[in-house]
Amino acid sequence: MSQSSQRQEFKVPGLAAALSHYTDAVRFGDILFVSGLTAHDSVGSLVGGDDAASQTRQVLSNLKLVLDAVGATFDDVLKVTVFLTNVDDRAAINPVRQEFFGAARPASTLIEVSRLALPEMKVEIEAVVGIPTKT
């Protein structure tokens, strides 16, 4: 299989339109790279207001849409990178992460940033997923 035939781009139904030149996720072999997900619904409206935990719940709901599209679950998430505009929100978003991931513990990096793509955003999460082998 050539490298180009291993690469597959995904535009996932239910996610807001991209803000620039990227796709929702790219699969290469059995690895899926998920672009930074935000707390926007399918029409681009922010969900969660000024609350980082509520925004995180929407972000992880959006991640579930991506996982569903490729036949994966939160157990298949290998790594997440979490971008927060206030690192003190970590304590508020951790219980939400546990709701979605359950006992699964992906590798994780947390980064505080001065701002995200839109001023109302408090959190953005990207992920690397192992695609389950079909049996």
N, C-alpha and C. Protein backbone atom coordinates (compact mmCIF):
# COMPACT_ATOMS: atom_id res chain seq x y z
N MET A 1 0.86 -1.18 0.00
CA MET A 1 0.00 0.00 0.00
C MET A 1 0.90 1.24 0.00
N SER A 2 0.68 2.16 -0.91
CA SER A 2 1.47 3.39 -0.92
C SER A 2 1.02 4.31 0.19
N GLN A 3 1.90 5.25 0.56
CA GLN A 3 1.55 6.17 1.64
C GLN A 3 0.28 6.94 1.32
N SER A 4 0.12 7.39 0.09
CA SER A 4 -1.05 8.19 -0.24
C SER A 4 -2.34 7.38 -0.11
N SER A 5 -2.29 6.08 -0.37
CA SER A 5 -3.51 5.29 -0.23
C SER A 5 -3.82 4.97 1.23
N GLN A 6 -2.85 5.16 2.13
CA GLN A 6 -3.09 4.95 3.56
C GLN A 6 -3.72 6.17 4.22
N ARG A 7 -3.65 7.32 3.57
CA ARG A 7 -4.12 8.58 4.16
C ARG A 7 -5.57 8.82 3.77
N GLN A 8 -6.41 9.11 4.78
CA GLN A 8 -7.83 9.37 4.53
C GLN A 8 -8.28 10.55 5.38
N GLU A 9 -8.87 11.54 4.75
CA GLU A 9 -9.39 12.71 5.47
C GLU A 9 -10.86 12.48 5.83
N PHE A 10 -11.26 13.02 6.99
CA PHE A 10 -12.63 12.91 7.46
C PHE A 10 -13.23 14.28 7.71
N LYS A 11 -14.39 14.53 7.14
CA LYS A 11 -15.26 15.64 7.52
C LYS A 11 -16.43 14.98 8.22
N VAL A 12 -16.56 15.22 9.52
CA VAL A 12 -17.51 14.49 10.34
C VAL A 12 -18.85 15.23 10.42
N PRO A 13 -19.94 14.58 10.04
CA PRO A 13 -21.27 15.19 10.18
C PRO A 13 -21.54 15.56 11.64
N GLY A 14 -22.09 16.74 11.85
CA GLY A 14 -22.42 17.19 13.20
C GLY A 14 -21.41 18.14 13.79
N LEU A 15 -20.24 18.27 13.14
CA LEU A 15 -19.25 19.23 13.60
C LEU A 15 -19.38 20.53 12.80
N ALA A 16 -19.06 21.63 13.45
CA ALA A 16 -19.12 22.94 12.79
C ALA A 16 -18.11 22.97 11.64
N ALA A 17 -18.34 23.84 10.69
CA ALA A 17 -17.42 24.00 9.56
C ALA A 17 -16.06 24.46 10.07
N ALA A 18 -15.03 24.03 9.38
CA ALA A 18 -13.66 24.41 9.74
C ALA A 18 -13.48 25.92 9.61
N LEU A 19 -12.65 26.48 10.51
CA LEU A 19 -12.38 27.92 10.49
C LEU A 19 -11.32 28.29 9.47
N SER A 20 -10.52 27.30 9.04
CA SER A 20 -9.47 27.57 8.06
C SER A 20 -9.23 26.29 7.26
N HIS A 21 -8.04 26.15 6.70
CA HIS A 21 -7.73 25.04 5.80
C HIS A 21 -7.28 23.80 6.58
N TYR A 22 -8.25 23.02 7.05
CA TYR A 22 -7.96 21.75 7.73
C TYR A 22 -9.19 20.87 7.65
N THR A 23 -9.02 19.62 8.00
CA THR A 23 -10.13 18.68 8.06
C THR A 23 -10.31 18.23 9.51
N ASP A 24 -11.44 17.62 9.82
CA ASP A 24 -11.73 17.23 11.20
C ASP A 24 -10.76 16.18 11.72
N ALA A 25 -10.38 15.25 10.86
CA ALA A 25 -9.46 14.19 11.28
C ALA A 25 -8.78 13.60 10.05
N VAL A 26 -7.61 13.03 10.28
CA VAL A 26 -6.87 12.34 9.22
C VAL A 26 -6.46 10.98 9.76
N ARG A 27 -6.81 9.96 8.99
CA ARG A 27 -6.40 8.59 9.32
C ARG A 27 -5.19 8.23 8.47
N PHE A 28 -4.21 7.62 9.12
CA PHE A 28 -3.06 7.08 8.40
C PHE A 28 -2.83 5.70 8.96
N GLY A 29 -3.10 4.69 8.18
CA GLY A 29 -3.02 3.31 8.70
C GLY A 29 -4.05 3.12 9.79
N ASP A 30 -3.61 2.70 10.96
CA ASP A 30 -4.55 2.48 12.06
C ASP A 30 -4.50 3.57 13.12
N ILE A 31 -3.96 4.74 12.74
CA ILE A 31 -3.91 5.89 13.65
C ILE A 31 -4.76 7.03 13.08
N LEU A 32 -5.53 7.66 13.95
CA LEU A 32 -6.36 8.80 13.58
C LEU A 32 -5.89 10.02 14.34
N PHE A 33 -5.61 11.09 13.61
CA PHE A 33 -5.23 12.37 14.21
C PHE A 33 -6.44 13.29 14.14
N VAL A 34 -6.92 13.71 15.31
CA VAL A 34 -8.13 14.55 15.38
C VAL A 34 -7.71 16.00 15.59
N SER A 35 -8.19 16.87 14.70
CA SER A 35 -7.91 18.30 14.82
C SER A 35 -8.46 18.83 16.12
N GLY A 36 -7.96 19.98 16.55
CA GLY A 36 -8.45 20.61 17.77
C GLY A 36 -9.96 20.81 17.70
N LEU A 37 -10.65 20.25 18.68
CA LEU A 37 -12.11 20.36 18.76
C LEU A 37 -12.48 21.45 19.75
N THR A 38 -13.56 22.15 19.42
CA THR A 38 -14.02 23.26 20.25
C THR A 38 -15.43 22.99 20.75
N ALA A 39 -15.96 23.92 21.53
CA ALA A 39 -17.28 23.76 22.14
C ALA A 39 -18.39 24.33 21.26
N HIS A 40 -18.24 24.19 19.95
CA HIS A 40 -19.25 24.69 19.02
C HIS A 40 -20.14 23.55 18.55
N ASP A 41 -21.42 23.84 18.40
CA ASP A 41 -22.36 22.84 17.89
C ASP A 41 -22.27 22.77 16.37
N SER A 42 -23.14 22.00 15.76
CA SER A 42 -23.07 21.75 14.32
C SER A 42 -23.26 23.01 13.47
N VAL A 43 -23.90 24.04 14.01
CA VAL A 43 -24.11 25.27 13.25
C VAL A 43 -23.12 26.37 13.64
N GLY A 44 -22.17 26.03 14.52
CA GLY A 44 -21.13 26.98 14.88
C GLY A 44 -21.41 27.84 16.09
N SER A 45 -22.49 27.53 16.83
CA SER A 45 -22.79 28.30 18.05
C SER A 45 -22.03 27.72 19.24
N LEU A 46 -21.43 28.60 20.05
CA LEU A 46 -20.71 28.16 21.24
C LEU A 46 -21.68 27.56 22.24
N VAL A 47 -21.31 26.41 22.79
CA VAL A 47 -22.09 25.74 23.83
C VAL A 47 -21.29 25.85 25.13
N GLY A 48 -21.94 26.23 26.20
CA GLY A 48 -21.28 26.25 27.50
C GLY A 48 -20.96 27.63 28.03
N GLY A 49 -21.23 28.66 27.23
CA GLY A 49 -20.99 30.02 27.70
C GLY A 49 -19.57 30.22 28.18
N ASP A 50 -19.44 30.82 29.35
CA ASP A 50 -18.14 31.16 29.91
C ASP A 50 -17.64 30.09 30.88
N ASP A 51 -18.26 28.90 30.86
CA ASP A 51 -17.94 27.85 31.81
C ASP A 51 -17.05 26.79 31.15
N ALA A 52 -15.84 26.63 31.63
CA ALA A 52 -14.88 25.70 31.03
C ALA A 52 -15.37 24.26 31.08
N ALA A 53 -16.01 23.87 32.17
CA ALA A 53 -16.52 22.49 32.28
C ALA A 53 -17.60 22.23 31.25
N SER A 54 -18.52 23.17 31.08
CA SER A 54 -19.59 23.01 30.09
C SER A 54 -19.02 23.00 28.67
N GLN A 55 -18.04 23.85 28.42
CA GLN A 55 -17.40 23.84 27.11
C GLN A 55 -16.70 22.50 26.87
N THR A 56 -16.04 21.98 27.90
CA THR A 56 -15.35 20.70 27.76
C THR A 56 -16.33 19.58 27.46
N ARG A 57 -17.49 19.61 28.09
CA ARG A 57 -18.52 18.59 27.82
C ARG A 57 -18.90 18.61 26.34
N GLN A 58 -19.04 19.79 25.75
CA GLN A 58 -19.37 19.89 24.32
C GLN A 58 -18.19 19.42 23.47
N VAL A 59 -16.98 19.81 23.85
CA VAL A 59 -15.79 19.37 23.10
C VAL A 59 -15.73 17.84 23.07
N LEU A 60 -15.94 17.20 24.21
CA LEU A 60 -15.85 15.74 24.26
C LEU A 60 -17.04 15.08 23.58
N SER A 61 -18.19 15.74 23.56
CA SER A 61 -19.32 15.25 22.76
C SER A 61 -18.96 15.30 21.28
N ASN A 62 -18.25 16.35 20.88
CA ASN A 62 -17.80 16.45 19.49
C ASN A 62 -16.76 15.37 19.19
N LEU A 63 -15.88 15.08 20.15
CA LEU A 63 -14.92 14.00 19.95
C LEU A 63 -15.65 12.67 19.77
N LYS A 64 -16.73 12.47 20.50
CA LYS A 64 -17.50 11.23 20.34
C LYS A 64 -18.03 11.11 18.92
N LEU A 65 -18.45 12.21 18.31
CA LEU A 65 -18.90 12.17 16.91
C LEU A 65 -17.79 11.66 16.00
N VAL A 66 -16.57 12.13 16.24
CA VAL A 66 -15.42 11.69 15.43
C VAL A 66 -15.17 10.21 15.67
N LEU A 67 -15.16 9.81 16.94
CA LEU A 67 -14.91 8.41 17.27
C LEU A 67 -15.96 7.50 16.63
N ASP A 68 -17.22 7.89 16.73
CA ASP A 68 -18.29 7.11 16.12
C ASP A 68 -18.09 6.97 14.61
N ALA A 69 -17.61 8.02 13.97
CA ALA A 69 -17.44 8.02 12.51
C ALA A 69 -16.40 7.00 12.05
N VAL A 70 -15.47 6.64 12.94
CA VAL A 70 -14.41 5.69 12.55
C VAL A 70 -14.53 4.36 13.29
N GLY A 71 -15.61 4.17 14.05
CA GLY A 71 -15.81 2.92 14.76
C GLY A 71 -14.93 2.76 15.99
N ALA A 72 -14.59 3.87 16.62
CA ALA A 72 -13.73 3.85 17.81
C ALA A 72 -14.53 4.33 19.03
N THR A 73 -13.92 4.17 20.20
CA THR A 73 -14.53 4.64 21.45
C THR A 73 -13.48 5.44 22.23
N PHE A 74 -13.88 5.97 23.36
CA PHE A 74 -12.93 6.69 24.21
C PHE A 74 -11.82 5.77 24.70
N ASP A 75 -12.06 4.47 24.78
CA ASP A 75 -11.01 3.52 25.16
C ASP A 75 -9.88 3.50 24.13
N ASP A 76 -10.17 3.90 22.90
CA ASP A 76 -9.18 3.86 21.82
C ASP A 76 -8.36 5.15 21.72
N VAL A 77 -8.70 6.15 22.52
CA VAL A 77 -7.96 7.41 22.49
C VAL A 77 -6.61 7.19 23.17
N LEU A 78 -5.55 7.43 22.41
CA LEU A 78 -4.20 7.19 22.91
C LEU A 78 -3.62 8.41 23.61
N LYS A 79 -3.94 9.61 23.09
CA LYS A 79 -3.33 10.84 23.59
C LYS A 79 -4.27 12.00 23.35
N VAL A 80 -4.34 12.91 24.30
CA VAL A 80 -5.05 14.17 24.11
C VAL A 80 -4.11 15.32 24.46
N THR A 81 -4.30 16.41 23.77
CA THR A 81 -3.64 17.66 24.14
C THR A 81 -4.76 18.65 24.43
N VAL A 82 -4.75 19.19 25.63
CA VAL A 82 -5.79 20.11 26.10
C VAL A 82 -5.19 21.51 26.16
N PHE A 83 -5.85 22.44 25.50
CA PHE A 83 -5.44 23.84 25.52
C PHE A 83 -6.48 24.61 26.33
N LEU A 84 -6.04 25.28 27.39
CA LEU A 84 -6.92 26.09 28.24
C LEU A 84 -6.43 27.53 28.24
N THR A 85 -7.37 28.46 28.27
CA THR A 85 -6.98 29.86 28.40
C THR A 85 -6.67 30.22 29.86
N ASN A 86 -7.08 29.34 30.78
CA ASN A 86 -6.76 29.52 32.20
C ASN A 86 -6.48 28.14 32.79
N VAL A 87 -5.23 27.86 33.11
CA VAL A 87 -4.84 26.54 33.61
C VAL A 87 -5.57 26.20 34.92
N ASP A 88 -6.06 27.18 35.62
CA ASP A 88 -6.82 26.91 36.85
C ASP A 88 -8.13 26.19 36.57
N ASP A 89 -8.59 26.19 35.30
CA ASP A 89 -9.81 25.47 34.92
C ASP A 89 -9.60 23.96 34.90
N ARG A 90 -8.36 23.52 35.03
CA ARG A 90 -8.06 22.08 35.02
C ARG A 90 -8.91 21.32 36.03
N ALA A 91 -9.03 21.85 37.22
CA ALA A 91 -9.81 21.17 38.27
C ALA A 91 -11.29 21.04 37.87
N ALA A 92 -11.80 22.01 37.14
CA ALA A 92 -13.21 21.97 36.73
C ALA A 92 -13.44 21.00 35.57
N ILE A 93 -12.46 20.85 34.68
CA ILE A 93 -12.69 20.00 33.51
C ILE A 93 -12.36 18.53 33.77
N ASN A 94 -11.53 18.24 34.79
CA ASN A 94 -11.16 16.85 35.04
C ASN A 94 -12.35 15.92 35.30
N PRO A 95 -13.35 16.31 36.10
CA PRO A 95 -14.50 15.43 36.28
C PRO A 95 -15.25 15.17 34.96
N VAL A 96 -15.28 16.15 34.08
CA VAL A 96 -15.94 15.96 32.78
C VAL A 96 -15.15 14.96 31.95
N ARG A 97 -13.84 15.07 31.97
CA ARG A 97 -13.00 14.09 31.26
C ARG A 97 -13.29 12.69 31.79
N GLN A 98 -13.39 12.54 33.10
CA GLN A 98 -13.65 11.23 33.68
C GLN A 98 -15.01 10.68 33.26
N GLU A 99 -16.01 11.56 33.11
CA GLU A 99 -17.34 11.13 32.63
C GLU A 99 -17.21 10.44 31.28
N PHE A 100 -16.44 11.01 30.38
CA PHE A 100 -16.33 10.50 29.03
C PHE A 100 -15.34 9.34 28.90
N PHE A 101 -14.22 9.41 29.59
CA PHE A 101 -13.19 8.40 29.44
C PHE A 101 -13.36 7.22 30.38
N GLY A 102 -14.13 7.39 31.45
CA GLY A 102 -14.30 6.29 32.40
C GLY A 102 -12.95 5.85 32.95
N ALA A 103 -12.69 4.56 32.91
CA ALA A 103 -11.44 4.01 33.44
C ALA A 103 -10.26 4.21 32.48
N ALA A 104 -10.53 4.51 31.22
CA ALA A 104 -9.45 4.71 30.24
C ALA A 104 -8.68 5.99 30.58
N ARG A 105 -7.38 5.90 30.48
CA ARG A 105 -6.52 7.05 30.78
C ARG A 105 -5.58 7.28 29.60
N PRO A 106 -5.94 8.21 28.72
CA PRO A 106 -5.03 8.48 27.61
C PRO A 106 -3.81 9.26 28.11
N ALA A 107 -2.72 9.17 27.35
CA ALA A 107 -1.61 10.08 27.61
C ALA A 107 -2.17 11.49 27.42
N SER A 108 -1.65 12.46 28.14
CA SER A 108 -2.27 13.78 28.11
C SER A 108 -1.24 14.89 28.33
N THR A 109 -1.44 15.96 27.59
CA THR A 109 -0.65 17.17 27.78
C THR A 109 -1.62 18.33 27.98
N LEU A 110 -1.34 19.18 28.95
CA LEU A 110 -2.16 20.35 29.24
C LEU A 110 -1.31 21.59 29.00
N ILE A 111 -1.85 22.51 28.21
CA ILE A 111 -1.12 23.72 27.87
C ILE A 111 -2.02 24.93 28.12
N GLU A 112 -1.52 25.92 28.85
CA GLU A 112 -2.24 27.19 28.97
C GLU A 112 -1.80 28.08 27.82
N VAL A 113 -2.79 28.67 27.16
CA VAL A 113 -2.52 29.58 26.04
C VAL A 113 -3.14 30.93 26.33
N SER A 114 -2.60 31.96 25.71
CA SER A 114 -3.13 33.31 25.96
C SER A 114 -4.50 33.50 25.34
N ARG A 115 -4.75 32.80 24.23
CA ARG A 115 -6.08 32.85 23.62
C ARG A 115 -6.19 31.71 22.61
N LEU A 116 -7.43 31.44 22.21
CA LEU A 116 -7.71 30.44 21.19
C LEU A 116 -8.26 31.15 19.96
N ALA A 117 -8.68 30.40 18.95
CA ALA A 117 -9.06 30.99 17.66
C ALA A 117 -10.18 32.03 17.75
N LEU A 118 -11.10 31.82 18.67
CA LEU A 118 -12.20 32.77 18.88
C LEU A 118 -12.18 33.20 20.34
N PRO A 119 -12.45 34.47 20.63
CA PRO A 119 -12.29 34.98 22.00
C PRO A 119 -13.16 34.31 23.05
N GLU A 120 -14.30 33.75 22.67
CA GLU A 120 -15.20 33.13 23.66
C GLU A 120 -14.76 31.72 24.05
N MET A 121 -13.80 31.17 23.35
CA MET A 121 -13.35 29.81 23.62
C MET A 121 -12.43 29.76 24.83
N LYS A 122 -12.70 28.79 25.72
CA LYS A 122 -11.87 28.59 26.91
C LYS A 122 -11.07 27.30 26.83
N VAL A 123 -11.48 26.37 25.95
CA VAL A 123 -10.84 25.06 25.87
C VAL A 123 -10.88 24.54 24.43
N GLU A 124 -9.82 23.85 24.06
CA GLU A 124 -9.74 23.15 22.78
C GLU A 124 -8.96 21.87 23.05
N ILE A 125 -9.40 20.77 22.43
CA ILE A 125 -8.75 19.48 22.66
C ILE A 125 -8.50 18.79 21.33
N GLU A 126 -7.26 18.32 21.13
CA GLU A 126 -6.94 17.49 19.98
C GLU A 126 -6.62 16.10 20.50
N ALA A 127 -6.70 15.10 19.60
CA ALA A 127 -6.51 13.72 20.05
C ALA A 127 -5.82 12.88 18.99
N VAL A 128 -5.19 11.82 19.48
CA VAL A 128 -4.65 10.76 18.63
C VAL A 128 -5.36 9.47 19.05
N VAL A 129 -5.88 8.75 18.07
CA VAL A 129 -6.73 7.60 18.33
C VAL A 129 -6.17 6.38 17.60
N GLY A 130 -6.19 5.24 18.27
CA GLY A 130 -5.86 3.98 17.60
C GLY A 130 -7.15 3.39 17.06
N ILE A 131 -7.19 3.16 15.75
CA ILE A 131 -8.40 2.62 15.13
C ILE A 131 -8.46 1.12 15.43
N PRO A 132 -9.58 0.66 16.01
CA PRO A 132 -9.68 -0.77 16.32
C PRO A 132 -9.68 -1.62 15.04
N THR A 133 -9.06 -2.78 15.12
CA THR A 133 -9.05 -3.71 14.01
C THR A 133 -10.38 -4.42 13.94
N LYS A 134 -10.96 -4.45 12.75
CA LYS A 134 -12.24 -5.16 12.57
C LYS A 134 -11.96 -6.66 12.53
N THR A 135 -12.78 -7.40 13.28
CA THR A 135 -12.60 -8.87 13.29
C THR A 135 -13.76 -9.55 12.65
